[in-house]
N, C-alpha and C. Protein backbone atom coordinates (compact mmCIF):
# COMPACT_ATOMS: atom_id res chain seq x y z
N MET A 1 124.09 63.85 67.03
CA MET A 1 122.97 63.81 67.92
C MET A 1 121.71 63.49 67.10
N GLU A 2 120.87 62.65 67.65
CA GLU A 2 119.64 62.24 67.00
C GLU A 2 118.60 63.36 67.03
N PRO A 3 117.72 63.42 66.04
CA PRO A 3 116.68 64.46 66.03
C PRO A 3 115.79 64.44 67.29
N ILE A 4 115.49 63.26 67.79
CA ILE A 4 114.65 63.17 68.99
C ILE A 4 115.36 63.77 70.20
N GLN A 5 116.67 63.63 70.26
CA GLN A 5 117.43 64.23 71.35
C GLN A 5 117.40 65.75 71.26
N ILE A 6 117.51 66.28 70.06
CA ILE A 6 117.46 67.73 69.86
C ILE A 6 116.11 68.27 70.30
N ILE A 7 115.04 67.57 69.92
CA ILE A 7 113.69 67.99 70.31
C ILE A 7 113.55 67.93 71.82
N LEU A 8 114.03 66.86 72.43
CA LEU A 8 113.95 66.71 73.88
C LEU A 8 114.70 67.83 74.59
N TYR A 9 115.89 68.15 74.15
CA TYR A 9 116.66 69.24 74.75
C TYR A 9 115.98 70.58 74.56
N ALA A 10 115.36 70.79 73.41
CA ALA A 10 114.65 72.05 73.16
C ALA A 10 113.44 72.19 74.09
N VAL A 11 112.71 71.10 74.27
CA VAL A 11 111.54 71.12 75.15
C VAL A 11 111.98 71.35 76.59
N LEU A 12 113.01 70.68 77.02
CA LEU A 12 113.51 70.84 78.40
C LEU A 12 114.01 72.27 78.63
N THR A 13 114.69 72.83 77.65
CA THR A 13 115.18 74.20 77.77
C THR A 13 114.01 75.17 77.87
N ALA A 14 113.00 75.01 77.05
CA ALA A 14 111.83 75.88 77.09
C ALA A 14 111.13 75.77 78.44
N PHE A 15 110.98 74.56 78.95
CA PHE A 15 110.36 74.33 80.25
C PHE A 15 111.15 75.03 81.35
N LEU A 16 112.45 74.90 81.32
CA LEU A 16 113.31 75.52 82.32
C LEU A 16 113.20 77.04 82.26
N LEU A 17 113.23 77.60 81.06
CA LEU A 17 113.13 79.06 80.91
C LEU A 17 111.79 79.59 81.41
N LEU A 18 110.71 78.87 81.12
CA LEU A 18 109.40 79.30 81.60
C LEU A 18 109.32 79.27 83.13
N ASN A 19 109.92 78.26 83.74
CA ASN A 19 109.91 78.18 85.20
C ASN A 19 110.77 79.27 85.83
N ILE A 20 111.88 79.58 85.22
CA ILE A 20 112.72 80.67 85.73
C ILE A 20 111.97 81.99 85.62
N ARG A 21 111.29 82.20 84.49
CA ARG A 21 110.51 83.43 84.30
C ARG A 21 109.42 83.54 85.37
N ARG A 22 108.69 82.47 85.62
CA ARG A 22 107.62 82.48 86.62
C ARG A 22 108.19 82.76 88.02
N PHE A 23 109.34 82.18 88.33
CA PHE A 23 109.99 82.41 89.62
C PHE A 23 110.34 83.89 89.77
N LEU A 24 110.91 84.48 88.73
CA LEU A 24 111.29 85.89 88.79
C LEU A 24 110.06 86.79 88.89
N GLN A 25 108.98 86.42 88.21
CA GLN A 25 107.74 87.20 88.32
C GLN A 25 107.21 87.16 89.75
N ARG A 26 107.21 86.00 90.36
CA ARG A 26 106.71 85.87 91.74
C ARG A 26 107.51 86.73 92.70
N ARG A 27 108.78 86.87 92.43
CA ARG A 27 109.63 87.69 93.30
C ARG A 27 109.46 89.17 93.04
N SER A 28 108.91 89.55 91.89
CA SER A 28 108.84 90.96 91.53
C SER A 28 107.61 91.68 92.09
N VAL A 29 106.58 90.94 92.49
CA VAL A 29 105.39 91.55 93.09
C VAL A 29 105.03 90.79 94.37
N PRO A 30 104.44 91.50 95.34
CA PRO A 30 104.04 90.82 96.58
C PRO A 30 103.03 89.70 96.31
N GLN A 31 103.16 88.64 97.06
CA GLN A 31 102.25 87.50 97.00
C GLN A 31 101.41 87.54 98.27
N ILE A 32 100.11 87.78 98.10
CA ILE A 32 99.21 87.97 99.24
C ILE A 32 98.37 86.71 99.46
N GLU A 33 98.39 86.22 100.68
CA GLU A 33 97.55 85.08 101.05
C GLU A 33 96.12 85.58 101.27
N PRO A 34 95.11 84.74 101.03
CA PRO A 34 93.72 85.17 101.17
C PRO A 34 93.37 85.80 102.53
N GLY A 35 93.93 85.30 103.60
CA GLY A 35 93.62 85.83 104.93
C GLY A 35 94.42 87.07 105.28
N GLU A 36 95.25 87.55 104.38
CA GLU A 36 96.13 88.68 104.67
C GLU A 36 95.86 89.89 103.77
N ILE A 37 94.66 89.99 103.22
CA ILE A 37 94.33 91.11 102.34
C ILE A 37 94.21 92.36 103.20
N PRO A 38 95.05 93.37 102.94
CA PRO A 38 95.03 94.57 103.77
C PRO A 38 93.78 95.42 103.55
N ALA A 39 93.38 96.13 104.58
CA ALA A 39 92.24 97.05 104.47
C ALA A 39 92.55 98.09 103.39
N GLY A 40 91.56 98.42 102.61
CA GLY A 40 91.73 99.44 101.58
C GLY A 40 92.26 98.91 100.27
N ALA A 41 92.63 97.64 100.22
CA ALA A 41 93.14 97.06 98.97
C ALA A 41 91.98 96.90 97.99
N VAL A 42 92.31 96.97 96.71
CA VAL A 42 91.34 96.77 95.65
C VAL A 42 91.60 95.39 95.05
N LEU A 43 90.58 94.56 94.98
CA LEU A 43 90.71 93.25 94.36
C LEU A 43 90.33 93.36 92.89
N LEU A 44 91.20 92.87 92.03
CA LEU A 44 91.00 92.93 90.58
C LEU A 44 90.88 91.53 90.02
N ASP A 45 89.71 91.20 89.50
CA ASP A 45 89.44 89.91 88.88
C ASP A 45 89.84 89.99 87.41
N VAL A 46 90.82 89.19 87.00
CA VAL A 46 91.30 89.23 85.62
C VAL A 46 90.80 88.03 84.80
N ARG A 47 89.82 87.31 85.33
CA ARG A 47 89.26 86.16 84.62
C ARG A 47 88.30 86.63 83.53
N THR A 48 87.83 85.71 82.74
CA THR A 48 86.87 86.03 81.69
C THR A 48 85.50 86.34 82.30
N ALA A 49 84.63 86.95 81.52
CA ALA A 49 83.28 87.25 81.99
C ALA A 49 82.53 85.98 82.36
N GLY A 50 82.74 84.91 81.60
CA GLY A 50 82.09 83.64 81.90
C GLY A 50 82.53 83.08 83.25
N GLU A 51 83.82 83.15 83.53
CA GLU A 51 84.31 82.68 84.82
C GLU A 51 83.74 83.53 85.96
N ARG A 52 83.72 84.83 85.74
CA ARG A 52 83.24 85.73 86.79
C ARG A 52 81.76 85.50 87.07
N SER A 53 80.98 85.14 86.06
CA SER A 53 79.55 84.93 86.27
C SER A 53 79.29 83.73 87.18
N GLU A 54 80.24 82.82 87.27
CA GLU A 54 80.10 81.65 88.14
C GLU A 54 80.32 82.01 89.60
N ASP A 55 81.30 82.89 89.86
CA ASP A 55 81.63 83.28 91.23
C ASP A 55 82.65 84.40 91.17
N SER A 56 82.61 85.26 92.16
CA SER A 56 83.62 86.32 92.26
C SER A 56 83.73 86.75 93.71
N ILE A 57 84.77 87.50 94.00
CA ILE A 57 84.94 88.04 95.34
C ILE A 57 84.15 89.34 95.41
N ARG A 58 83.25 89.42 96.36
CA ARG A 58 82.36 90.57 96.49
C ARG A 58 83.16 91.87 96.54
N GLY A 59 82.72 92.85 95.75
CA GLY A 59 83.35 94.16 95.72
C GLY A 59 84.55 94.27 94.79
N SER A 60 84.91 93.18 94.13
CA SER A 60 86.07 93.23 93.25
C SER A 60 85.75 93.94 91.94
N VAL A 61 86.79 94.47 91.33
CA VAL A 61 86.70 95.12 90.02
C VAL A 61 86.98 94.04 88.98
N HIS A 62 86.34 94.12 87.82
CA HIS A 62 86.56 93.12 86.78
C HIS A 62 87.13 93.75 85.52
N ILE A 63 88.36 93.35 85.19
CA ILE A 63 88.96 93.68 83.90
C ILE A 63 89.66 92.40 83.43
N PRO A 64 89.13 91.73 82.42
CA PRO A 64 89.76 90.50 81.93
C PRO A 64 91.22 90.75 81.52
N LEU A 65 92.05 89.77 81.74
CA LEU A 65 93.48 89.90 81.45
C LEU A 65 93.74 90.38 80.04
N HIS A 66 93.02 89.86 79.06
CA HIS A 66 93.27 90.24 77.67
C HIS A 66 92.90 91.69 77.37
N GLU A 67 92.19 92.35 78.29
CA GLU A 67 91.82 93.76 78.13
C GLU A 67 92.61 94.68 79.06
N LEU A 68 93.43 94.12 79.92
CA LEU A 68 94.04 94.89 80.99
C LEU A 68 94.94 96.02 80.49
N ARG A 69 95.79 95.75 79.54
CA ARG A 69 96.69 96.80 79.06
C ARG A 69 95.89 98.00 78.54
N ALA A 70 94.84 97.74 77.78
CA ALA A 70 94.04 98.82 77.20
C ALA A 70 93.19 99.54 78.24
N ARG A 71 92.80 98.84 79.30
CA ARG A 71 91.88 99.41 80.29
C ARG A 71 92.52 99.76 81.62
N ALA A 72 93.83 99.65 81.72
CA ALA A 72 94.52 99.89 82.99
C ALA A 72 94.24 101.27 83.55
N GLY A 73 93.99 102.24 82.71
CA GLY A 73 93.70 103.59 83.17
C GLY A 73 92.48 103.67 84.06
N GLU A 74 91.57 102.71 83.93
CA GLU A 74 90.37 102.68 84.77
C GLU A 74 90.72 102.50 86.25
N LEU A 75 91.92 102.00 86.52
CA LEU A 75 92.33 101.74 87.89
C LEU A 75 92.91 102.98 88.57
N ARG A 76 93.15 104.05 87.82
CA ARG A 76 93.73 105.27 88.40
C ARG A 76 92.85 105.84 89.50
N LYS A 77 91.54 105.63 89.39
CA LYS A 77 90.62 106.18 90.39
C LYS A 77 90.83 105.57 91.77
N HIS A 78 91.59 104.48 91.83
CA HIS A 78 91.85 103.84 93.11
C HIS A 78 93.11 104.39 93.77
N GLY A 79 93.68 105.44 93.17
CA GLY A 79 94.80 106.16 93.77
C GLY A 79 95.94 105.27 94.19
N GLY A 80 96.39 105.45 95.40
CA GLY A 80 97.54 104.71 95.91
C GLY A 80 97.20 103.37 96.52
N SER A 81 95.95 102.92 96.39
CA SER A 81 95.57 101.63 96.97
C SER A 81 96.34 100.49 96.32
N GLN A 82 96.61 99.47 97.09
CA GLN A 82 97.23 98.28 96.53
C GLN A 82 96.16 97.54 95.72
N ILE A 83 96.54 97.13 94.51
CA ILE A 83 95.63 96.39 93.64
C ILE A 83 96.07 94.93 93.66
N ILE A 84 95.23 94.08 94.21
CA ILE A 84 95.54 92.65 94.33
C ILE A 84 94.80 91.92 93.22
N CYS A 85 95.54 91.37 92.30
CA CYS A 85 94.97 90.67 91.15
C CYS A 85 94.65 89.23 91.50
N TYR A 86 93.54 88.73 90.96
CA TYR A 86 93.24 87.32 91.15
C TYR A 86 92.61 86.73 89.89
N CYS A 87 92.80 85.43 89.74
CA CYS A 87 92.19 84.65 88.67
C CYS A 87 91.71 83.35 89.31
N ARG A 88 91.69 82.27 88.58
CA ARG A 88 91.24 81.00 89.16
C ARG A 88 92.29 80.41 90.09
N SER A 89 93.55 80.37 89.62
CA SER A 89 94.57 79.69 90.40
C SER A 89 95.79 80.55 90.75
N GLY A 90 95.86 81.76 90.25
CA GLY A 90 96.98 82.64 90.57
C GLY A 90 98.01 82.79 89.47
N ASN A 91 97.85 82.10 88.36
CA ASN A 91 98.84 82.19 87.29
C ASN A 91 98.61 83.40 86.38
N ARG A 92 97.41 83.55 85.87
CA ARG A 92 97.12 84.72 85.02
C ARG A 92 97.24 86.01 85.83
N SER A 93 96.79 85.96 87.07
CA SER A 93 96.84 87.17 87.89
C SER A 93 98.27 87.58 88.21
N LEU A 94 99.18 86.63 88.25
CA LEU A 94 100.58 86.97 88.45
C LEU A 94 101.07 87.84 87.29
N GLY A 95 100.75 87.42 86.07
CA GLY A 95 101.12 88.22 84.90
C GLY A 95 100.46 89.60 84.93
N ALA A 96 99.21 89.66 85.38
CA ALA A 96 98.49 90.93 85.48
C ALA A 96 99.16 91.85 86.50
N ALA A 97 99.55 91.30 87.64
CA ALA A 97 100.20 92.10 88.68
C ALA A 97 101.54 92.65 88.19
N VAL A 98 102.29 91.82 87.47
CA VAL A 98 103.57 92.27 86.92
C VAL A 98 103.34 93.39 85.91
N LEU A 99 102.35 93.24 85.05
CA LEU A 99 102.03 94.28 84.07
C LEU A 99 101.66 95.59 84.78
N LEU A 100 100.79 95.50 85.77
CA LEU A 100 100.37 96.72 86.48
C LEU A 100 101.55 97.38 87.19
N LYS A 101 102.44 96.59 87.73
CA LYS A 101 103.63 97.16 88.36
C LYS A 101 104.45 97.94 87.33
N LYS A 102 104.62 97.37 86.14
CA LYS A 102 105.36 98.06 85.08
C LYS A 102 104.67 99.36 84.68
N LEU A 103 103.35 99.40 84.82
CA LEU A 103 102.58 100.60 84.48
C LEU A 103 102.52 101.61 85.63
N GLY A 104 103.18 101.29 86.74
CA GLY A 104 103.28 102.23 87.85
C GLY A 104 102.29 102.02 88.99
N TYR A 105 101.55 100.94 88.96
CA TYR A 105 100.58 100.67 90.02
C TYR A 105 101.22 99.89 91.17
N ASN A 106 100.65 100.02 92.36
CA ASN A 106 101.05 99.25 93.52
C ASN A 106 100.25 97.94 93.45
N SER A 107 100.82 96.93 92.83
CA SER A 107 100.07 95.70 92.56
C SER A 107 100.64 94.51 93.32
N ALA A 108 99.79 93.50 93.45
CA ALA A 108 100.16 92.25 94.11
C ALA A 108 99.34 91.12 93.49
N ASN A 109 99.68 89.90 93.85
CA ASN A 109 99.00 88.71 93.35
C ASN A 109 98.38 87.95 94.51
N LEU A 110 97.13 87.51 94.34
CA LEU A 110 96.48 86.68 95.34
C LEU A 110 96.93 85.24 95.14
N VAL A 111 97.67 84.73 96.10
CA VAL A 111 98.22 83.38 96.00
C VAL A 111 97.11 82.35 95.85
N GLY A 112 97.19 81.53 94.81
CA GLY A 112 96.20 80.48 94.60
C GLY A 112 94.89 80.94 94.02
N GLY A 113 94.76 82.24 93.75
CA GLY A 113 93.57 82.77 93.12
C GLY A 113 92.30 82.57 93.92
N ILE A 114 91.17 82.62 93.22
CA ILE A 114 89.87 82.51 93.90
C ILE A 114 89.68 81.10 94.47
N THR A 115 90.35 80.11 93.89
CA THR A 115 90.26 78.75 94.41
C THR A 115 90.79 78.70 95.84
N ASN A 116 91.96 79.29 96.07
CA ASN A 116 92.56 79.32 97.40
C ASN A 116 91.75 80.22 98.33
N TRP A 117 91.22 81.32 97.80
CA TRP A 117 90.40 82.24 98.60
C TRP A 117 89.15 81.52 99.11
N ARG A 118 88.50 80.73 98.24
CA ARG A 118 87.31 79.96 98.64
C ARG A 118 87.65 78.98 99.75
N MET A 119 88.76 78.26 99.58
CA MET A 119 89.17 77.26 100.57
C MET A 119 89.46 77.93 101.92
N ALA A 120 90.15 79.07 101.89
CA ALA A 120 90.48 79.79 103.12
C ALA A 120 89.20 80.28 103.80
N ARG A 121 88.23 80.72 103.03
CA ARG A 121 86.96 81.22 103.57
C ARG A 121 86.20 80.08 104.26
N HIS A 122 86.26 78.88 103.69
CA HIS A 122 85.54 77.75 104.28
C HIS A 122 86.25 77.21 105.52
N ARG A 123 87.59 77.36 105.58
CA ARG A 123 88.33 76.91 106.76
C ARG A 123 88.13 77.85 107.94
N GLY A 124 88.05 79.13 107.65
CA GLY A 124 88.01 80.13 108.73
C GLY A 124 86.66 80.61 108.96
């Protein structure tokens, strides 16, 4: 087998494994559409401070994804409320929701992130 074929197979395998992982993550936590946010839910913005300064969902809590593991205890004050994570497009927040679930929180992911939330707000 040629070296380029080995590289191609390695890249394809990595791509496939990442997609399988993302599929399994999506199945492990609820996926909430912007128009279906339940009353009493806590919205958690996991974007950077710079992103948040541009726009955010009013009333949301801000803990950047890279700080979430260390600061997850701050969410205990929200008791049994569902914590719906969001980012720009829903990818980082999916990882955040999975992490929070592993830590014992009732977590979910906002489908499409704040981008989808903005679009839904303008449609409705």
